[in-house]
Amino acid sequence: MSCDGPDCEKALENLYVFLDHEIDSASCDEIQSHLDDCSECLNEYHLEQIVKSLVGRSCSEVAPPPLRDKVLFRIRSVQIEIRSES
C-alpha cells in the first residue's frame, strides 16, 4: 500500500472492516469521506473489493464455526500486534 499520512493509514488499516460493513457508522463515514478525496486509497479499496468478490464467487463451501472463529481470532491478534508495533 503506497499511501502516506495518518488519514491514509487509518483508512487502509480499517479497509477490511469497512468492506465487510463491520465498523461503526462514524468511522464508516470518516473512511468514506477519505476515499472520496484520496484516489490512491480509493484504488486500494477497489482492488480489495474485486478480490473479495472473486473469493466470494470461488468459495461455495462454508467453513465450520470453530474454524471460522479460530481464523477471525488470529486475524484480530495480528491486527493488534501490528498496531502495537507502530
Protein backbone atom coordinates (compact mmCIF):
# COMPACT_ATOMS: atom_id res chain seq x y z
CA MET A 1 0.00 0.00 0.00
CA SER A 2 1.60 3.20 -1.14
CA CYS A 3 -0.38 5.91 0.63
CA ASP A 4 1.17 8.04 3.33
CA GLY A 5 -0.20 10.14 6.11
CA PRO A 6 -2.34 9.45 9.16
CA ASP A 7 -5.65 9.63 7.27
CA CYS A 8 -4.47 7.15 4.66
CA GLU A 9 -3.01 4.87 7.31
CA LYS A 10 -6.26 4.84 9.29
CA ALA A 11 -8.40 4.28 6.18
CA LEU A 12 -6.23 1.41 4.95
CA GLU A 13 -6.00 -0.17 8.42
CA ASN A 14 -9.79 -0.33 8.56
CA LEU A 15 -10.40 -1.16 4.92
CA TYR A 16 -11.43 -4.77 5.53
CA VAL A 17 -13.93 -4.00 8.28
CA PHE A 18 -15.24 -1.17 6.10
CA LEU A 19 -15.69 -3.54 3.15
CA ASP A 20 -17.46 -6.04 5.39
CA HIS A 21 -19.70 -3.38 6.97
CA GLU A 22 -18.33 -4.32 10.39
CA ILE A 23 -17.47 -0.79 11.52
CA ASP A 24 -19.39 1.86 13.41
CA SER A 25 -21.19 4.49 11.33
CA ALA A 26 -18.97 7.40 12.45
CA SER A 27 -15.80 5.56 11.37
CA CYS A 28 -17.54 4.40 8.21
CA ASP A 29 -18.42 7.99 7.31
CA GLU A 30 -14.85 9.09 8.04
CA ILE A 31 -13.35 6.38 5.83
CA GLN A 32 -15.87 7.03 3.05
CA SER A 33 -15.04 10.74 3.15
CA HIS A 34 -11.33 9.92 2.91
CA LEU A 35 -11.90 7.55 0.00
CA ASP A 36 -13.87 10.28 -1.78
CA ASP A 37 -10.84 12.58 -1.52
CA CYS A 38 -7.91 10.18 -1.92
CA SER A 39 -7.54 8.40 -5.26
CA GLU A 40 -4.72 6.14 -4.03
CA CYS A 41 -6.80 4.79 -1.14
CA LEU A 42 -9.82 4.53 -3.43
CA ASN A 43 -7.75 2.37 -5.80
CA GLU A 44 -6.79 0.11 -2.86
CA TYR A 45 -10.45 -0.09 -1.89
CA HIS A 46 -11.50 -1.11 -5.41
CA LEU A 47 -8.73 -3.71 -5.59
CA GLU A 48 -9.78 -5.27 -2.28
CA GLN A 49 -13.42 -5.14 -3.36
CA ILE A 50 -12.57 -7.08 -6.54
CA VAL A 51 -10.52 -9.67 -4.61
CA LYS A 52 -13.32 -10.11 -2.08
CA SER A 53 -15.83 -10.59 -4.90
CA LEU A 54 -13.65 -13.16 -6.67
CA VAL A 55 -13.05 -15.10 -3.48
CA GLY A 56 -16.76 -14.99 -2.68
CA ARG A 57 -17.69 -16.41 -6.07
CA SER A 58 -14.97 -19.06 -5.92
CA CYS A 59 -15.74 -20.35 -2.44
CA SER A 60 -19.01 -22.19 -2.23
CA GLU A 61 -18.18 -24.16 0.92
CA VAL A 62 -18.85 -22.75 4.35
CA ALA A 63 -16.17 -23.11 7.00
CA PRO A 64 -17.23 -24.88 10.19
CA PRO A 65 -17.91 -22.38 13.00
CA PRO A 66 -14.87 -23.44 15.12
CA LEU A 67 -12.54 -22.89 12.16
CA ARG A 68 -14.12 -19.55 11.33
CA ASP A 69 -13.79 -18.42 14.96
CA LYS A 70 -10.15 -19.52 15.06
CA VAL A 71 -9.29 -17.66 11.84
CA LEU A 72 -11.08 -14.48 12.94
CA PHE A 73 -9.32 -14.62 16.31
CA ARG A 74 -5.94 -14.95 14.61
CA ILE A 75 -6.66 -12.08 12.21
CA ARG A 76 -7.60 -9.82 15.12
CA SER A 77 -4.48 -10.90 17.04
CA VAL A 78 -2.27 -9.98 14.10
CA GLN A 79 -4.02 -6.61 13.75
CA ILE A 80 -3.32 -5.89 17.44
CA GLU A 81 0.34 -6.93 17.01
CA ILE A 82 0.71 -4.63 14.00
CA ARG A 83 -0.86 -1.69 15.84
CA SER A 84 1.38 -2.18 18.88
CA GLU A 85 4.49 -2.21 16.67
CA SER A 86 3.59 1.16 15.12
